[in-house]
Amino acid sequence: MAFMQKAVDKPFGFRPHGAILRVGQYYKDASAAAIYPGDAVILETDGGIAVAATSSIPIIGAAVGYSAASTEVVNFPVYDHPDQQFVVQDDSAGTGMTRASEGSRCDITVTTGDTTTFQSLHELDSSTINATETTLAVQVIRLHPIEESSYATTTSEWRRWIVVFAEHLYQGANQAGI
């Protein structure tokens, strides 16, 4: 029998799952807030990237590195392939996410990163899980194998999930024509 790890509230943002499909380079202007590894990022109208806000769509990807606030970075790395899978923790709101959450969409809980570990604190907003809503940022694929099919049954039972950004800048209706 495998060792079952107790559910712990330790968000880490969006970490690549499986093969890394692409890392693009983006401009981060000095007016942008700090970006932490694993933060979901968007492309602003001025052409620079910034940390996504809750309900931000489309998402361009997840930050690879860290950049302090008020710092310009010419080539900031982002996991930006629309098919890139990520591992992310849910926030364990309500009764938690269950097997029925697989295939559904949800939003992101956005929190400023940890200034000690320089790690993202983004996680899935489990209270927004919806099987029919098509405008939520994240598509839940399945429970991460480390969880051993142990779905949450109450609050304070955080789980890790494999997801993709459903509302991605470079996919489907969000992709500009040639």
C-alpha atoms as a PDB file:
ATOM      1  CA  MET A   1       0.000   0.000   0.000  1.00  0.00           C
ATOM      2  CA  ALA A   2       1.310   3.432  -0.926  1.00  0.00           C
ATOM      3  CA  PHE A   3       1.914   6.110   1.670  1.00  0.00           C
ATOM      4  CA  MET A   4      -0.908   8.658   1.738  1.00  0.00           C
ATOM      5  CA  GLN A   5       0.291  12.202   2.294  1.00  0.00           C
ATOM      6  CA  LYS A   6      -1.984  14.289   4.496  1.00  0.00           C
ATOM      7  CA  ALA A   7      -3.594  17.140   2.596  1.00  0.00           C
ATOM      8  CA  VAL A   8      -1.614  20.308   3.237  1.00  0.00           C
ATOM      9  CA  ASP A   9      -2.470  23.884   2.294  1.00  0.00           C
ATOM     10  CA  LYS A  10       0.705  24.787   0.449  1.00  0.00           C
ATOM     11  CA  PRO A  11      -0.100  26.470  -2.891  1.00  0.00           C
ATOM     12  CA  PHE A  12       2.710  26.585  -5.444  1.00  0.00           C
ATOM     13  CA  GLY A  13       1.115  28.064  -8.551  1.00  0.00           C
ATOM     14  CA  PHE A  14       1.165  26.339 -11.930  1.00  0.00           C
ATOM     15  CA  ARG A  15       4.037  23.878 -12.392  1.00  0.00           C
ATOM     16  CA  PRO A  16       4.514  22.125 -15.741  1.00  0.00           C
ATOM     17  CA  HIS A  17       3.268  18.545 -15.852  1.00  0.00           C
ATOM     18  CA  GLY A  18       4.797  16.187 -18.391  1.00  0.00           C
ATOM     19  CA  ALA A  19       6.946  17.495 -21.204  1.00  0.00           C
ATOM     20  CA  ILE A  20       7.647  21.221 -21.395  1.00  0.00           C
ATOM     21  CA  LEU A  21       6.180  22.152 -24.771  1.00  0.00           C
ATOM     22  CA  ARG A  22       7.561  25.681 -25.121  1.00  0.00           C
ATOM     23  CA  VAL A  23       9.046  28.587 -23.193  1.00  0.00           C
ATOM     24  CA  GLY A  24       8.415  31.953 -24.831  1.00  0.00           C
ATOM     25  CA  GLN A  25      10.188  35.210 -24.022  1.00  0.00           C
ATOM     26  CA  TYR A  26       8.087  38.276 -23.142  1.00  0.00           C
ATOM     27  CA  TYR A  27       8.602  41.890 -22.175  1.00  0.00           C
ATOM     28  CA  LYS A  28       7.786  42.885 -18.590  1.00  0.00           C
ATOM     29  CA  ASP A  29       7.698  46.624 -18.156  1.00  0.00           C
ATOM     30  CA  ALA A  30       8.772  48.435 -15.004  1.00  0.00           C
ATOM     31  CA  SER A  31       5.162  49.305 -14.100  1.00  0.00           C
ATOM     32  CA  ALA A  32       4.218  45.625 -13.616  1.00  0.00           C
ATOM     33  CA  ALA A  33       3.919  44.021 -10.176  1.00  0.00           C
ATOM     34  CA  ALA A  34       6.276  41.263  -9.043  1.00  0.00           C
ATOM     35  CA  ILE A  35       5.884  37.990 -10.922  1.00  0.00           C
ATOM     36  CA  TYR A  36       6.648  34.696  -9.176  1.00  0.00           C
ATOM     37  CA  PRO A  37       7.433  31.282 -10.728  1.00  0.00           C
ATOM     38  CA  GLY A  38       4.095  29.563 -11.319  1.00  0.00           C
ATOM     39  CA  ASP A  39       2.009  32.752 -11.550  1.00  0.00           C
ATOM     40  CA  ALA A  40      -0.575  32.776 -14.337  1.00  0.00           C
ATOM     41  CA  VAL A  41       0.230  35.711 -16.611  1.00  0.00           C
ATOM     42  CA  ILE A  42      -1.623  37.763 -19.210  1.00  0.00           C
ATOM     43  CA  LEU A  43      -0.550  40.000 -22.075  1.00  0.00           C
ATOM     44  CA  GLU A  44      -1.493  43.622 -21.407  1.00  0.00           C
ATOM     45  CA  THR A  45      -2.590  46.080 -24.090  1.00  0.00           C
ATOM     46  CA  ASP A  46       0.856  47.761 -23.994  1.00  0.00           C
ATOM     47  CA  GLY A  47       2.485  44.459 -25.051  1.00  0.00           C
ATOM     48  CA  GLY A  48       3.964  43.637 -21.655  1.00  0.00           C
ATOM     49  CA  ILE A  49       3.072  40.720 -19.432  1.00  0.00           C
ATOM     50  CA  ALA A  50       1.533  40.971 -15.979  1.00  0.00           C
ATOM     51  CA  VAL A  51       0.170  38.671 -13.293  1.00  0.00           C
ATOM     52  CA  ALA A  52      -3.356  37.557 -14.136  1.00  0.00           C
ATOM     53  CA  ALA A  53      -6.122  38.771 -11.873  1.00  0.00           C
ATOM     54  CA  THR A  54      -8.974  36.558 -10.733  1.00  0.00           C
ATOM     55  CA  SER A  55     -11.269  36.136 -13.762  1.00  0.00           C
ATOM     56  CA  SER A  56      -8.559  37.337 -16.197  1.00  0.00           C
ATOM     57  CA  ILE A  57      -8.849  35.782 -19.623  1.00  0.00           C
ATOM     58  CA  PRO A  58      -7.204  34.988 -21.880  1.00  0.00           C
ATOM     59  CA  ILE A  59      -4.141  33.654 -20.057  1.00  0.00           C
ATOM     60  CA  ILE A  60      -0.817  33.536 -21.918  1.00  0.00           C
ATOM     61  CA  GLY A  61       0.792  30.931 -19.652  1.00  0.00           C
ATOM     62  CA  ALA A  62       2.668  30.493 -16.373  1.00  0.00           C
ATOM     63  CA  ALA A  63       5.813  32.350 -15.317  1.00  0.00           C
ATOM     64  CA  VAL A  64       9.043  30.382 -15.345  1.00  0.00           C
ATOM     65  CA  GLY A  65      11.045  32.781 -13.187  1.00  0.00           C
ATOM     66  CA  TYR A  66      10.830  35.653 -10.734  1.00  0.00           C
ATOM     67  CA  SER A  67      10.921  39.380 -11.358  1.00  0.00           C
ATOM     68  CA  ALA A  68      10.620  42.045  -8.691  1.00  0.00           C
ATOM     69  CA  ALA A  69       8.001  44.789  -8.957  1.00  0.00           C
ATOM     70  CA  SER A  70       9.053  47.938 -10.806  1.00  0.00           C
ATOM     71  CA  THR A  71      11.692  45.989 -12.733  1.00  0.00           C
ATOM     72  CA  GLU A  72      11.901  45.901 -16.520  1.00  0.00           C
ATOM     73  CA  VAL A  73      12.752  42.525 -18.051  1.00  0.00           C
ATOM     74  CA  VAL A  74      13.202  42.285 -21.817  1.00  0.00           C
ATOM     75  CA  ASN A  75      13.116  38.470 -22.111  1.00  0.00           C
ATOM     76  CA  PHE A  76      10.961  37.136 -19.289  1.00  0.00           C
ATOM     77  CA  PRO A  77      10.353  33.354 -19.704  1.00  0.00           C
ATOM     78  CA  VAL A  78       6.790  31.976 -19.759  1.00  0.00           C
ATOM     79  CA  TYR A  79       5.477  28.441 -20.327  1.00  0.00           C
ATOM     80  CA  ASP A  80       3.193  29.631 -23.117  1.00  0.00           C
ATOM     81  CA  HIS A  81       2.149  26.638 -25.228  1.00  0.00           C
ATOM     82  CA  PRO A  82      -1.677  26.315 -25.260  1.00  0.00           C
ATOM     83  CA  ASP A  83      -1.454  22.528 -24.717  1.00  0.00           C
ATOM     84  CA  GLN A  84       0.955  22.731 -21.772  1.00  0.00           C
ATOM     85  CA  GLN A  85      -0.370  20.803 -18.799  1.00  0.00           C
ATOM     86  CA  PHE A  86       0.208  22.063 -15.276  1.00  0.00           C
ATOM     87  CA  VAL A  87      -0.112  20.770 -11.716  1.00  0.00           C
ATOM     88  CA  VAL A  88      -1.863  23.145  -9.324  1.00  0.00           C
ATOM     89  CA  GLN A  89      -3.486  22.906  -5.898  1.00  0.00           C
ATOM     90  CA  ASP A  90      -7.139  23.728  -5.241  1.00  0.00           C
ATOM     91  CA  ASP A  91      -8.130  26.093  -2.433  1.00  0.00           C
ATOM     92  CA  SER A  92     -10.457  23.561  -0.747  1.00  0.00           C
ATOM     93  CA  ALA A  93     -13.423  25.929  -0.649  1.00  0.00           C
ATOM     94  CA  GLY A  94     -16.819  24.434   0.170  1.00  0.00           C
ATOM     95  CA  THR A  95     -16.805  20.645   0.090  1.00  0.00           C
ATOM     96  CA  GLY A  96     -13.762  20.555  -2.157  1.00  0.00           C
ATOM     97  CA  MET A  97     -13.314  19.294  -5.683  1.00  0.00           C
ATOM     98  CA  THR A  98     -14.450  15.750  -6.474  1.00  0.00           C
ATOM     99  CA  ARG A  99     -14.332  13.240  -9.331  1.00  0.00           C
ATOM    100  CA  ALA A 100     -17.144  15.268 -10.927  1.00  0.00           C
ATOM    101  CA  SER A 101     -14.720  18.211 -11.163  1.00  0.00           C
ATOM    102  CA  GLU A 102     -12.731  16.399 -13.855  1.00  0.00           C
ATOM    103  CA  GLY A 103     -13.501  17.930 -17.233  1.00  0.00           C
ATOM    104  CA  SER A 104     -14.990  21.050 -15.642  1.00  0.00           C
ATOM    105  CA  ARG A 105     -13.689  24.593 -15.642  1.00  0.00           C
ATOM    106  CA  CYS A 106     -12.851  26.915 -12.787  1.00  0.00           C
ATOM    107  CA  ASP A 107     -11.220  30.221 -12.035  1.00  0.00           C
ATOM    108  CA  ILE A 108      -7.924  31.033 -10.340  1.00  0.00           C
ATOM    109  CA  THR A 109      -7.439  32.317  -6.813  1.00  0.00           C
ATOM    110  CA  VAL A 110      -4.774  34.977  -7.235  1.00  0.00           C
ATOM    111  CA  THR A 111      -2.596  35.905  -4.264  1.00  0.00           C
ATOM    112  CA  THR A 112       0.719  37.757  -4.256  1.00  0.00           C
ATOM    113  CA  GLY A 113       3.613  35.304  -4.171  1.00  0.00           C
ATOM    114  CA  ASP A 114       5.630  34.345  -1.128  1.00  0.00           C
ATOM    115  CA  THR A 115       8.396  36.933  -0.637  1.00  0.00           C
ATOM    116  CA  THR A 116      10.519  34.475   1.379  1.00  0.00           C
ATOM    117  CA  THR A 117      10.470  31.470  -0.960  1.00  0.00           C
ATOM    118  CA  PHE A 118       9.792  33.486  -4.153  1.00  0.00           C
ATOM    119  CA  GLN A 119       7.067  30.997  -5.056  1.00  0.00           C
ATOM    120  CA  SER A 120       3.648  31.620  -6.551  1.00  0.00           C
ATOM    121  CA  LEU A 121       0.606  31.220  -4.319  1.00  0.00           C
ATOM    122  CA  HIS A 122      -1.919  30.870  -7.168  1.00  0.00           C
ATOM    123  CA  GLU A 123      -4.392  28.009  -6.834  1.00  0.00           C
ATOM    124  CA  LEU A 124      -7.691  26.808  -8.265  1.00  0.00           C
ATOM    125  CA  ASP A 125     -10.813  28.562  -6.984  1.00  0.00           C
ATOM    126  CA  SER A 126     -12.805  25.421  -6.256  1.00  0.00           C
ATOM    127  CA  SER A 127     -15.951  27.432  -5.462  1.00  0.00           C
ATOM    128  CA  THR A 128     -16.168  28.345  -9.175  1.00  0.00           C
ATOM    129  CA  ILE A 129     -16.026  24.768 -10.525  1.00  0.00           C
ATOM    130  CA  ASN A 130     -18.611  24.445 -13.290  1.00  0.00           C
ATOM    131  CA  ALA A 131     -19.160  21.721 -15.881  1.00  0.00           C
ATOM    132  CA  THR A 132     -21.007  23.945 -18.368  1.00  0.00           C
ATOM    133  CA  GLU A 133     -19.392  27.393 -18.044  1.00  0.00           C
ATOM    134  CA  THR A 134     -17.105  28.056 -21.012  1.00  0.00           C
ATOM    135  CA  THR A 135     -15.491  31.340 -19.976  1.00  0.00           C
ATOM    136  CA  LEU A 136     -13.548  30.225 -16.898  1.00  0.00           C
ATOM    137  CA  ALA A 137      -9.755  30.282 -17.238  1.00  0.00           C
ATOM    138  CA  VAL A 138      -8.782  26.724 -16.269  1.00  0.00           C
ATOM    139  CA  GLN A 139      -9.853  23.329 -17.618  1.00  0.00           C
ATOM    140  CA  VAL A 140      -9.494  20.552 -15.038  1.00  0.00           C
ATOM    141  CA  ILE A 141      -8.182  17.372 -16.646  1.00  0.00           C
ATOM    142  CA  ARG A 142      -7.870  15.013 -13.686  1.00  0.00           C
ATOM    143  CA  LEU A 143      -6.689  14.538 -10.134  1.00  0.00           C
ATOM    144  CA  HIS A 144      -2.881  14.302  -9.951  1.00  0.00           C
ATOM    145  CA  PRO A 145      -1.708  10.674  -9.510  1.00  0.00           C
ATOM    146  CA  ILE A 146       0.062  11.547  -6.238  1.00  0.00           C
ATOM    147  CA  GLU A 147      -3.389  11.932  -4.679  1.00  0.00           C
ATOM    148  CA  GLU A 148      -4.150   8.234  -5.394  1.00  0.00           C
ATOM    149  CA  SER A 149      -7.779   8.907  -6.353  1.00  0.00           C
ATOM    150  CA  SER A 150      -8.453  10.304  -2.889  1.00  0.00           C
ATOM    151  CA  TYR A 151     -10.937  13.071  -3.582  1.00  0.00           C
ATOM    152  CA  ALA A 152     -11.794  15.702  -0.987  1.00  0.00           C
ATOM    153  CA  THR A 153     -14.955  15.176   1.027  1.00  0.00           C
ATOM    154  CA  THR A 154     -14.928  18.312   3.160  1.00  0.00           C
ATOM    155  CA  THR A 155     -13.122  21.634   3.548  1.00  0.00           C
ATOM    156  CA  SER A 156      -9.411  21.676   4.441  1.00  0.00           C
ATOM    157  CA  GLU A 157      -8.725  18.781   2.075  1.00  0.00           C
ATOM    158  CA  TRP A 158      -6.546  20.357  -0.584  1.00  0.00           C
ATOM    159  CA  ARG A 159      -5.729  18.344  -3.680  1.00  0.00           C
ATOM    160  CA  ARG A 160      -3.395  18.706  -6.647  1.00  0.00           C
ATOM    161  CA  TRP A 161      -4.891  18.657 -10.127  1.00  0.00           C
ATOM    162  CA  ILE A 162      -3.648  18.416 -13.695  1.00  0.00           C
ATOM    163  CA  VAL A 163      -5.024  21.310 -15.731  1.00  0.00           C
ATOM    164  CA  VAL A 164      -4.604  23.412 -18.868  1.00  0.00           C
ATOM    165  CA  PHE A 165      -5.472  27.040 -19.453  1.00  0.00           C
ATOM    166  CA  ALA A 166      -8.807  26.766 -21.270  1.00  0.00           C
ATOM    167  CA  GLU A 167      -8.940  30.454 -22.128  1.00  0.00           C
ATOM    168  CA  HIS A 168      -5.443  30.674 -23.622  1.00  0.00           C
ATOM    169  CA  LEU A 169      -4.298  33.626 -25.737  1.00  0.00           C
ATOM    170  CA  TYR A 170      -2.899  31.375 -28.473  1.00  0.00           C
ATOM    171  CA  GLN A 171      -5.811  28.967 -28.827  1.00  0.00           C
ATOM    172  CA  GLY A 172      -9.169  28.900 -30.571  1.00  0.00           C
ATOM    173  CA  ALA A 173     -11.285  32.059 -30.582  1.00  0.00           C
ATOM    174  CA  ASN A 174      -8.538  34.011 -28.783  1.00  0.00           C
ATOM    175  CA  GLN A 175      -6.011  33.483 -31.567  1.00  0.00           C
ATOM    176  CA  ALA A 176      -5.691  36.402 -33.981  1.00  0.00           C
ATOM    177  CA  GLY A 177      -6.052  35.783 -37.707  1.00  0.00           C
ATOM    178  CA  ILE A 178      -3.124  35.844 -40.085  1.00  0.00           C
END
